[in-house]
C-alpha cells in the first residue's frame, strides 16, 4: 500500500492478490463468486470505514476507484443477467464461456484487485495516525506493507491484524 500527502490531498493505493480479498483469483464463475466479488468491491469503496485518520486532521474520502481483471470478466458475465426470460436463449452459450474460465484457472491465472483513494484533509499538518481496518474487512489479508510520504517525512511499516496503525 502506498500513501502520499501533498498539500491537503492524500492518495492511498491498495494492491492485493484477489485471493486475500475475495478468496479466489480465478474469474468469477458461480453466483457465489459474483456475490463475493460484489461484496468486496462495495467494502473497498467504503474508504472512510477502511481508513480512519486521527480526527483533528479532518480527512474525508472524496473519490475511490476499484479495478481488477476480475471486474472486467464479471461485467461481461453480468451483461445478460437481470433480463426477462424472453431473452433466456442468449444464455445458452454460457457453458462454453465458463469452460474458458476453467482453462484460465487450470493455467494458474492470478488476479489482483487495486483500489485508489483520494482523501481531502482540512488540517494535513495534524495528520499523525492512520488506522487501517482492511484486516477486519478481509479475513484473507494477513500483512500489508505500507510506504508513505507525508509532507517531508517518509517511511514504511508492516501491518498485521494485531498491529494495524501507521504513525507518522
N, C-alpha and C. Protein backbone atom coordinates (compact mmCIF):
# COMPACT_ATOMS: atom_id res chain seq x y z
N UNK A 1 0.85 -1.16 0.00
CA UNK A 1 0.00 0.00 0.00
C UNK A 1 0.90 1.23 0.00
N UNK A 2 0.54 2.19 -0.82
CA UNK A 2 1.28 3.44 -0.91
C UNK A 2 0.39 4.59 -0.44
N UNK A 3 0.99 5.52 0.30
CA UNK A 3 0.31 6.71 0.80
C UNK A 3 1.15 7.92 0.43
N UNK A 4 0.50 8.95 -0.07
CA UNK A 4 1.22 10.19 -0.37
C UNK A 4 0.32 11.37 -0.02
N UNK A 5 0.87 12.30 0.74
CA UNK A 5 0.16 13.52 1.11
C UNK A 5 0.89 14.70 0.49
N UNK A 6 0.15 15.49 -0.29
CA UNK A 6 0.69 16.71 -0.85
C UNK A 6 -0.35 17.80 -0.64
N UNK A 7 0.06 18.87 0.01
CA UNK A 7 -0.85 19.93 0.43
C UNK A 7 -1.95 19.29 1.28
N UNK A 8 -3.20 19.39 0.86
CA UNK A 8 -4.28 18.79 1.66
C UNK A 8 -4.85 17.53 0.99
N UNK A 9 -4.17 17.03 -0.02
CA UNK A 9 -4.65 15.86 -0.75
C UNK A 9 -3.85 14.62 -0.38
N UNK A 10 -4.56 13.60 0.02
CA UNK A 10 -3.94 12.34 0.41
C UNK A 10 -4.39 11.25 -0.55
N UNK A 11 -3.43 10.57 -1.14
CA UNK A 11 -3.70 9.46 -2.05
C UNK A 11 -3.29 8.17 -1.36
N UNK A 12 -4.14 7.16 -1.47
CA UNK A 12 -3.81 5.83 -0.96
C UNK A 12 -4.04 4.85 -2.10
N UNK A 13 -3.05 3.98 -2.33
CA UNK A 13 -3.18 2.92 -3.32
C UNK A 13 -3.02 1.59 -2.61
N UNK A 14 -4.03 0.75 -2.75
CA UNK A 14 -4.02 -0.59 -2.17
C UNK A 14 -4.04 -1.58 -3.31
N UNK A 15 -3.07 -2.50 -3.33
CA UNK A 15 -2.97 -3.51 -4.38
C UNK A 15 -2.78 -4.85 -3.69
N UNK A 16 -3.65 -5.81 -3.96
CA UNK A 16 -3.59 -7.09 -3.28
C UNK A 16 -3.97 -8.22 -4.22
N UNK A 17 -3.39 -9.40 -4.01
CA UNK A 17 -3.91 -10.57 -4.73
C UNK A 17 -5.39 -10.73 -4.40
N UNK A 18 -6.18 -11.05 -5.40
CA UNK A 18 -7.62 -11.19 -5.20
C UNK A 18 -7.96 -12.23 -4.14
N UNK A 19 -7.13 -13.26 -4.01
CA UNK A 19 -7.39 -14.31 -3.02
C UNK A 19 -7.48 -13.73 -1.61
N UNK A 20 -6.72 -12.70 -1.31
CA UNK A 20 -6.77 -12.08 0.02
C UNK A 20 -8.09 -11.35 0.27
N UNK A 21 -8.72 -10.92 -0.80
CA UNK A 21 -9.92 -10.09 -0.67
C UNK A 21 -11.20 -10.87 -0.91
N UNK A 22 -11.22 -11.71 -1.94
CA UNK A 22 -12.45 -12.46 -2.26
C UNK A 22 -12.32 -13.96 -2.04
N UNK A 23 -11.10 -14.44 -1.79
CA UNK A 23 -10.91 -15.86 -1.51
C UNK A 23 -10.57 -16.69 -2.74
N UNK A 24 -10.47 -16.06 -3.90
CA UNK A 24 -10.09 -16.77 -5.12
C UNK A 24 -9.46 -15.77 -6.08
N UNK A 25 -8.72 -16.29 -7.07
CA UNK A 25 -8.08 -15.42 -8.06
C UNK A 25 -8.56 -15.70 -9.48
N UNK A 26 -9.37 -16.72 -9.66
CA UNK A 26 -9.88 -17.05 -10.99
C UNK A 26 -11.06 -16.13 -11.33
N UNK A 27 -11.43 -16.12 -12.59
CA UNK A 27 -12.58 -15.33 -13.00
C UNK A 27 -13.82 -15.83 -12.27
N UNK A 28 -14.68 -14.94 -11.81
CA UNK A 28 -15.90 -15.38 -11.11
C UNK A 28 -16.76 -16.21 -12.06
N UNK A 29 -17.14 -17.41 -11.59
CA UNK A 29 -17.87 -18.30 -12.48
C UNK A 29 -19.17 -18.82 -11.87
N UNK A 30 -19.42 -18.54 -10.62
CA UNK A 30 -20.65 -19.02 -9.98
C UNK A 30 -21.36 -17.83 -9.34
N UNK A 31 -22.62 -18.01 -9.00
CA UNK A 31 -23.32 -16.92 -8.30
C UNK A 31 -22.61 -16.53 -6.99
N UNK A 32 -22.05 -17.52 -6.27
CA UNK A 32 -21.32 -17.21 -5.04
C UNK A 32 -20.08 -16.37 -5.32
N UNK A 33 -19.36 -16.70 -6.40
CA UNK A 33 -18.18 -15.92 -6.79
C UNK A 33 -18.57 -14.47 -7.08
N UNK A 34 -19.63 -14.30 -7.86
CA UNK A 34 -20.08 -12.95 -8.21
C UNK A 34 -20.51 -12.17 -6.97
N UNK A 35 -21.21 -12.84 -6.07
CA UNK A 35 -21.66 -12.19 -4.83
C UNK A 35 -20.46 -11.78 -3.97
N UNK A 36 -19.45 -12.66 -3.88
CA UNK A 36 -18.25 -12.34 -3.09
C UNK A 36 -17.52 -11.15 -3.69
N UNK A 37 -17.42 -11.11 -5.01
CA UNK A 37 -16.73 -10.00 -5.67
C UNK A 37 -17.52 -8.70 -5.49
N UNK A 38 -18.83 -8.75 -5.66
CA UNK A 38 -19.66 -7.55 -5.47
C UNK A 38 -19.54 -7.02 -4.04
N UNK A 39 -19.55 -7.92 -3.07
CA UNK A 39 -19.43 -7.52 -1.66
C UNK A 39 -18.06 -6.90 -1.40
N UNK A 40 -17.01 -7.50 -1.97
CA UNK A 40 -15.65 -6.97 -1.78
C UNK A 40 -15.52 -5.57 -2.37
N UNK A 41 -16.06 -5.37 -3.56
CA UNK A 41 -15.99 -4.05 -4.19
C UNK A 41 -16.73 -3.02 -3.34
N UNK A 42 -17.91 -3.36 -2.86
CA UNK A 42 -18.67 -2.43 -2.01
C UNK A 42 -17.89 -2.09 -0.75
N UNK A 43 -17.23 -3.08 -0.17
CA UNK A 43 -16.42 -2.84 1.03
C UNK A 43 -15.23 -1.95 0.71
N UNK A 44 -14.54 -2.24 -0.40
CA UNK A 44 -13.39 -1.42 -0.79
C UNK A 44 -13.80 0.02 -1.10
N UNK A 45 -14.98 0.21 -1.62
CA UNK A 45 -15.44 1.56 -1.96
C UNK A 45 -15.77 2.40 -0.73
N UNK A 46 -15.83 1.78 0.43
CA UNK A 46 -16.13 2.50 1.68
C UNK A 46 -14.82 2.88 2.38
N UNK A 47 -14.07 3.74 1.75
CA UNK A 47 -12.76 4.14 2.26
C UNK A 47 -12.79 4.80 3.62
N UNK A 48 -13.87 5.50 3.95
CA UNK A 48 -13.95 6.15 5.26
C UNK A 48 -14.03 5.12 6.39
N UNK A 49 -14.49 3.91 6.09
CA UNK A 49 -14.52 2.84 7.09
C UNK A 49 -13.20 2.09 7.12
N UNK A 50 -12.60 1.86 5.95
CA UNK A 50 -11.35 1.09 5.89
C UNK A 50 -10.15 1.88 6.40
N UNK A 51 -10.18 3.20 6.25
CA UNK A 51 -9.04 4.04 6.64
C UNK A 51 -9.54 5.13 7.59
N UNK A 52 -9.09 5.06 8.83
CA UNK A 52 -9.51 6.04 9.84
C UNK A 52 -8.30 6.87 10.27
N UNK A 53 -8.39 8.14 10.07
CA UNK A 53 -7.32 9.07 10.42
C UNK A 53 -7.61 9.68 11.78
N UNK A 54 -6.56 10.19 12.46
CA UNK A 54 -6.83 10.92 13.69
C UNK A 54 -7.77 12.08 13.35
N UNK A 55 -8.76 12.30 14.22
CA UNK A 55 -9.87 13.21 13.93
C UNK A 55 -9.44 14.64 13.65
N UNK A 56 -8.41 15.14 14.35
CA UNK A 56 -8.05 16.55 14.17
C UNK A 56 -7.44 16.85 12.80
N UNK A 57 -7.10 15.82 12.01
CA UNK A 57 -6.61 16.05 10.65
C UNK A 57 -7.76 16.37 9.70
N UNK A 58 -8.97 15.96 10.06
CA UNK A 58 -10.15 16.28 9.25
C UNK A 58 -10.13 15.68 7.85
N UNK A 59 -9.69 14.43 7.72
CA UNK A 59 -9.61 13.79 6.41
C UNK A 59 -10.91 13.07 6.07
N UNK A 60 -11.35 13.23 4.83
CA UNK A 60 -12.56 12.55 4.36
C UNK A 60 -12.34 12.11 2.91
N UNK A 61 -12.93 10.99 2.58
CA UNK A 61 -12.76 10.44 1.24
C UNK A 61 -13.55 11.27 0.22
N UNK A 62 -12.89 11.55 -0.89
CA UNK A 62 -13.53 12.27 -1.99
C UNK A 62 -13.88 11.31 -3.13
N UNK A 63 -12.94 10.45 -3.52
CA UNK A 63 -13.18 9.51 -4.62
C UNK A 63 -12.47 8.19 -4.35
N UNK A 64 -12.96 7.16 -5.01
CA UNK A 64 -12.31 5.85 -4.97
C UNK A 64 -12.52 5.18 -6.32
N UNK A 65 -11.51 4.45 -6.76
CA UNK A 65 -11.61 3.66 -7.98
C UNK A 65 -11.10 2.26 -7.65
N UNK A 66 -11.93 1.25 -7.93
CA UNK A 66 -11.55 -0.14 -7.72
C UNK A 66 -11.43 -0.79 -9.09
N UNK A 67 -10.28 -1.43 -9.34
CA UNK A 67 -10.06 -2.07 -10.64
C UNK A 67 -9.50 -3.47 -10.45
N UNK A 68 -9.80 -4.32 -11.43
CA UNK A 68 -9.28 -5.68 -11.45
C UNK A 68 -9.69 -6.33 -12.77
N UNK A 69 -8.86 -7.25 -13.24
CA UNK A 69 -9.25 -8.04 -14.41
C UNK A 69 -10.54 -8.79 -14.11
N UNK A 70 -10.71 -9.18 -12.86
CA UNK A 70 -11.90 -9.93 -12.45
C UNK A 70 -13.17 -9.12 -12.65
N UNK A 71 -13.09 -7.82 -12.47
CA UNK A 71 -14.27 -6.97 -12.64
C UNK A 71 -14.65 -6.87 -14.10
N UNK A 72 -13.67 -6.86 -14.99
CA UNK A 72 -13.97 -6.85 -16.42
C UNK A 72 -14.72 -8.11 -16.81
N UNK A 73 -14.26 -9.25 -16.30
CA UNK A 73 -14.91 -10.53 -16.60
C UNK A 73 -16.29 -10.56 -15.98
N UNK A 74 -16.41 -10.07 -14.74
CA UNK A 74 -17.71 -10.08 -14.07
C UNK A 74 -18.70 -9.21 -14.84
N UNK A 75 -18.25 -8.05 -15.30
CA UNK A 75 -19.13 -7.17 -16.06
C UNK A 75 -19.61 -7.87 -17.32
N UNK A 76 -18.70 -8.55 -18.01
CA UNK A 76 -19.08 -9.30 -19.21
C UNK A 76 -20.11 -10.37 -18.87
N UNK A 77 -19.90 -11.07 -17.76
CA UNK A 77 -20.81 -12.14 -17.36
C UNK A 77 -22.16 -11.60 -16.91
N UNK A 78 -22.20 -10.40 -16.35
CA UNK A 78 -23.44 -9.83 -15.85
C UNK A 78 -24.24 -9.13 -16.94
N UNK A 79 -23.65 -8.93 -18.12
CA UNK A 79 -24.35 -8.19 -19.16
C UNK A 79 -25.72 -8.77 -19.46
N UNK A 80 -25.85 -10.08 -19.44
CA UNK A 80 -27.13 -10.69 -19.76
C UNK A 80 -27.99 -10.95 -18.56
N UNK A 81 -27.49 -10.72 -17.37
CA UNK A 81 -28.24 -11.02 -16.15
C UNK A 81 -29.26 -9.94 -15.87
N UNK A 82 -30.35 -10.35 -15.22
CA UNK A 82 -31.36 -9.40 -14.82
C UNK A 82 -32.36 -9.07 -15.91
N UNK A 83 -32.31 -9.74 -17.05
CA UNK A 83 -33.27 -9.50 -18.12
C UNK A 83 -34.42 -10.47 -17.98
N UNK A 84 -35.51 -10.19 -18.69
CA UNK A 84 -36.66 -11.09 -18.57
C UNK A 84 -36.39 -12.40 -19.29
N UNK A 85 -37.23 -13.39 -19.04
CA UNK A 85 -36.99 -14.74 -19.54
C UNK A 85 -37.09 -14.84 -21.05
N UNK A 86 -37.68 -13.86 -21.72
CA UNK A 86 -37.75 -13.92 -23.17
C UNK A 86 -36.36 -13.82 -23.79
N UNK A 87 -35.40 -13.38 -23.02
CA UNK A 87 -34.03 -13.29 -23.51
C UNK A 87 -33.19 -14.48 -23.12
N UNK A 88 -33.76 -15.47 -22.48
CA UNK A 88 -33.03 -16.61 -21.96
C UNK A 88 -32.17 -17.33 -23.00
N UNK A 89 -32.58 -17.45 -24.27
CA UNK A 89 -31.71 -18.14 -25.23
C UNK A 89 -30.31 -17.54 -25.33
N UNK A 90 -30.15 -16.27 -24.99
CA UNK A 90 -28.83 -15.66 -25.02
C UNK A 90 -27.86 -16.34 -24.07
N UNK A 91 -28.37 -17.02 -23.05
CA UNK A 91 -27.51 -17.65 -22.06
C UNK A 91 -27.06 -19.04 -22.46
N UNK A 92 -27.53 -19.56 -23.60
CA UNK A 92 -27.17 -20.92 -23.97
C UNK A 92 -25.68 -21.07 -24.22
N UNK A 93 -25.00 -20.00 -24.57
CA UNK A 93 -23.56 -20.09 -24.80
C UNK A 93 -22.75 -20.04 -23.52
N UNK A 94 -23.38 -19.90 -22.38
CA UNK A 94 -22.65 -19.73 -21.13
C UNK A 94 -21.75 -20.91 -20.77
N UNK A 95 -22.16 -22.18 -20.92
CA UNK A 95 -21.26 -23.25 -20.53
C UNK A 95 -19.92 -23.22 -21.28
N UNK A 96 -19.94 -22.91 -22.56
CA UNK A 96 -18.68 -22.84 -23.30
C UNK A 96 -17.83 -21.71 -22.76
N UNK A 97 -18.45 -20.59 -22.43
CA UNK A 97 -17.73 -19.45 -21.89
C UNK A 97 -17.14 -19.79 -20.53
N UNK A 98 -17.90 -20.52 -19.72
CA UNK A 98 -17.38 -20.92 -18.42
C UNK A 98 -16.18 -21.84 -18.58
N UNK A 99 -16.19 -22.67 -19.59
CA UNK A 99 -15.06 -23.56 -19.84
C UNK A 99 -13.79 -22.78 -20.09
N UNK A 100 -13.93 -21.63 -20.76
CA UNK A 100 -12.75 -20.79 -20.98
C UNK A 100 -12.16 -20.36 -19.65
N UNK A 101 -13.01 -20.00 -18.70
CA UNK A 101 -12.52 -19.56 -17.40
C UNK A 101 -11.90 -20.72 -16.63
N UNK A 102 -12.46 -21.91 -16.77
CA UNK A 102 -11.87 -23.07 -16.09
C UNK A 102 -10.48 -23.32 -16.64
N UNK A 103 -10.31 -23.11 -17.94
CA UNK A 103 -9.00 -23.28 -18.53
C UNK A 103 -8.02 -22.25 -17.95
N UNK A 104 -8.49 -21.02 -17.80
CA UNK A 104 -7.65 -19.99 -17.20
C UNK A 104 -7.23 -20.39 -15.80
N UNK A 105 -8.18 -20.93 -15.02
CA UNK A 105 -7.88 -21.33 -13.65
C UNK A 105 -6.86 -22.46 -13.65
N UNK A 106 -7.02 -23.41 -14.56
CA UNK A 106 -6.07 -24.52 -14.63
C UNK A 106 -4.69 -24.01 -15.00
N UNK A 107 -4.63 -22.90 -15.73
CA UNK A 107 -3.35 -22.31 -16.12
C UNK A 107 -2.80 -21.40 -15.04
N UNK A 108 -3.33 -21.48 -13.81
CA UNK A 108 -2.84 -20.71 -12.68
C UNK A 108 -2.93 -19.20 -12.91
N UNK A 109 -4.06 -18.74 -13.39
CA UNK A 109 -4.29 -17.32 -13.55
C UNK A 109 -4.36 -16.66 -12.17
N UNK A 110 -3.64 -15.58 -12.01
CA UNK A 110 -3.65 -14.85 -10.75
C UNK A 110 -4.14 -13.44 -11.02
N UNK A 111 -5.08 -13.01 -10.23
CA UNK A 111 -5.65 -11.67 -10.40
C UNK A 111 -5.38 -10.84 -9.16
N UNK A 112 -5.18 -9.56 -9.38
CA UNK A 112 -5.05 -8.60 -8.30
C UNK A 112 -6.29 -7.71 -8.28
N UNK A 113 -6.51 -7.10 -7.15
CA UNK A 113 -7.54 -6.07 -7.03
C UNK A 113 -6.83 -4.82 -6.53
N UNK A 114 -7.04 -3.72 -7.24
CA UNK A 114 -6.42 -2.46 -6.88
C UNK A 114 -7.52 -1.46 -6.51
N UNK A 115 -7.23 -0.68 -5.49
CA UNK A 115 -8.14 0.40 -5.10
C UNK A 115 -7.32 1.67 -4.91
N UNK A 116 -7.77 2.75 -5.52
CA UNK A 116 -7.10 4.04 -5.41
C UNK A 116 -8.06 5.02 -4.74
N UNK A 117 -7.61 5.61 -3.64
CA UNK A 117 -8.43 6.50 -2.84
C UNK A 117 -7.86 7.91 -2.88
N UNK A 118 -8.76 8.89 -2.90
CA UNK A 118 -8.36 10.29 -2.79
C UNK A 118 -9.10 10.88 -1.61
N UNK A 119 -8.33 11.34 -0.62
CA UNK A 119 -8.89 11.98 0.57
C UNK A 119 -8.48 13.45 0.56
N UNK A 120 -9.33 14.29 1.13
CA UNK A 120 -9.01 15.69 1.38
C UNK A 120 -8.91 15.85 2.89
N UNK A 121 -7.86 16.53 3.34
CA UNK A 121 -7.65 16.75 4.77
C UNK A 121 -7.70 18.25 5.08
N UNK A 122 -8.54 18.62 6.05
CA UNK A 122 -8.66 20.03 6.44
C UNK A 122 -7.40 20.55 7.12
N UNK A 123 -6.75 19.71 7.91
CA UNK A 123 -5.54 20.10 8.64
C UNK A 123 -4.47 19.02 8.44
N UNK A 124 -3.89 18.95 7.25
CA UNK A 124 -2.93 17.89 6.96
C UNK A 124 -1.71 17.90 7.87
N UNK A 125 -1.36 19.08 8.40
CA UNK A 125 -0.22 19.17 9.31
C UNK A 125 -0.50 18.47 10.64
N UNK A 126 -1.76 18.17 10.91
CA UNK A 126 -2.12 17.47 12.15
C UNK A 126 -2.29 15.96 11.95
N UNK A 127 -2.02 15.49 10.74
CA UNK A 127 -2.13 14.06 10.46
C UNK A 127 -0.99 13.31 11.14
N UNK A 128 -1.33 12.49 12.12
CA UNK A 128 -0.31 11.76 12.88
C UNK A 128 -0.53 10.25 12.87
N UNK A 129 -1.73 9.82 12.47
CA UNK A 129 -2.05 8.40 12.63
C UNK A 129 -3.08 7.97 11.59
N UNK A 130 -2.91 6.75 11.11
CA UNK A 130 -3.88 6.11 10.22
C UNK A 130 -4.13 4.70 10.73
N UNK A 131 -5.39 4.41 11.04
CA UNK A 131 -5.78 3.06 11.45
C UNK A 131 -6.37 2.38 10.23
N UNK A 132 -5.81 1.24 9.89
CA UNK A 132 -6.24 0.52 8.69
C UNK A 132 -7.11 -0.66 9.10
N UNK A 133 -8.37 -0.62 8.69
CA UNK A 133 -9.35 -1.64 9.06
C UNK A 133 -9.54 -2.70 7.97
N UNK A 134 -8.60 -2.79 7.06
CA UNK A 134 -8.69 -3.76 5.96
C UNK A 134 -8.68 -5.19 6.50
N UNK A 135 -7.92 -5.43 7.56
CA UNK A 135 -7.84 -6.78 8.14
C UNK A 135 -9.19 -7.22 8.69
N UNK A 136 -9.91 -6.27 9.27
CA UNK A 136 -11.24 -6.54 9.81
C UNK A 136 -12.21 -6.89 8.69
N UNK A 137 -12.06 -6.21 7.56
CA UNK A 137 -12.98 -6.39 6.44
C UNK A 137 -12.69 -7.64 5.62
N UNK A 138 -11.40 -8.02 5.52
CA UNK A 138 -11.00 -9.13 4.65
C UNK A 138 -10.14 -10.11 5.44
N UNK A 139 -10.74 -11.22 5.84
CA UNK A 139 -10.05 -12.20 6.68
C UNK A 139 -8.82 -12.80 6.01
N UNK A 140 -8.77 -12.81 4.68
CA UNK A 140 -7.62 -13.38 3.97
C UNK A 140 -6.40 -12.48 3.98
N UNK A 141 -6.56 -11.26 4.41
CA UNK A 141 -5.45 -10.31 4.45
C UNK A 141 -4.63 -10.56 5.71
N UNK A 142 -3.37 -10.93 5.55
CA UNK A 142 -2.53 -11.23 6.71
C UNK A 142 -1.52 -10.14 7.01
N UNK A 143 -1.04 -9.46 5.97
CA UNK A 143 0.00 -8.45 6.15
C UNK A 143 -0.13 -7.40 5.06
N UNK A 144 0.12 -6.17 5.43
CA UNK A 144 0.14 -5.07 4.46
C UNK A 144 1.44 -4.31 4.66
N UNK A 145 2.18 -4.16 3.58
CA UNK A 145 3.40 -3.35 3.61
C UNK A 145 3.02 -1.95 3.13
N UNK A 146 3.28 -0.98 3.99
CA UNK A 146 2.91 0.40 3.72
C UNK A 146 4.17 1.22 3.48
N UNK A 147 4.13 2.01 2.43
CA UNK A 147 5.17 3.00 2.17
C UNK A 147 4.46 4.35 2.13
N UNK A 148 5.05 5.35 2.80
CA UNK A 148 4.37 6.64 2.83
C UNK A 148 5.34 7.80 2.66
N UNK A 149 4.78 8.87 2.10
CA UNK A 149 5.44 10.17 2.03
C UNK A 149 4.39 11.16 2.52
N UNK A 150 4.65 11.72 3.71
CA UNK A 150 3.73 12.65 4.34
C UNK A 150 4.51 13.94 4.58
N UNK A 151 4.12 14.99 3.86
CA UNK A 151 4.85 16.26 3.92
C UNK A 151 6.33 15.99 3.65
N UNK A 152 7.19 16.21 4.64
CA UNK A 152 8.63 15.98 4.40
C UNK A 152 9.11 14.69 5.04
N UNK A 153 8.18 13.89 5.55
CA UNK A 153 8.55 12.62 6.18
C UNK A 153 8.24 11.48 5.22
N UNK A 154 9.09 10.48 5.27
CA UNK A 154 8.78 9.26 4.54
C UNK A 154 9.12 8.08 5.42
N UNK A 155 8.48 6.97 5.14
CA UNK A 155 8.72 5.80 5.96
C UNK A 155 8.00 4.59 5.42
N UNK A 156 8.09 3.53 6.18
CA UNK A 156 7.46 2.27 5.80
C UNK A 156 7.02 1.56 7.07
N UNK A 157 6.05 0.69 6.91
CA UNK A 157 5.56 -0.10 8.04
C UNK A 157 5.01 -1.41 7.51
N UNK A 158 5.09 -2.44 8.34
CA UNK A 158 4.46 -3.72 8.03
C UNK A 158 3.34 -3.91 9.03
N UNK A 159 2.12 -3.98 8.52
CA UNK A 159 0.95 -4.07 9.38
C UNK A 159 0.37 -5.48 9.38
N UNK A 160 -0.24 -5.82 10.50
CA UNK A 160 -0.96 -7.08 10.65
C UNK A 160 -2.29 -6.77 11.34
N UNK A 161 -3.12 -7.78 11.50
CA UNK A 161 -4.41 -7.57 12.16
C UNK A 161 -4.23 -7.06 13.59
N UNK A 162 -3.15 -7.48 14.26
CA UNK A 162 -2.92 -7.05 15.64
C UNK A 162 -2.24 -5.68 15.72
N UNK A 163 -1.50 -5.33 14.70
CA UNK A 163 -0.77 -4.06 14.67
C UNK A 163 -1.12 -3.37 13.35
N UNK A 164 -2.22 -2.62 13.35
CA UNK A 164 -2.75 -2.07 12.10
C UNK A 164 -2.85 -0.54 12.12
N UNK A 165 -1.93 0.09 12.83
CA UNK A 165 -1.90 1.55 12.90
C UNK A 165 -0.56 2.05 12.38
N UNK A 166 -0.62 3.01 11.46
CA UNK A 166 0.59 3.67 10.97
C UNK A 166 0.67 5.01 11.69
N UNK A 167 1.83 5.27 12.28
CA UNK A 167 2.06 6.55 12.95
C UNK A 167 3.08 7.34 12.12
N UNK A 168 2.75 8.59 11.87
CA UNK A 168 3.61 9.43 11.03
C UNK A 168 4.46 10.34 11.89
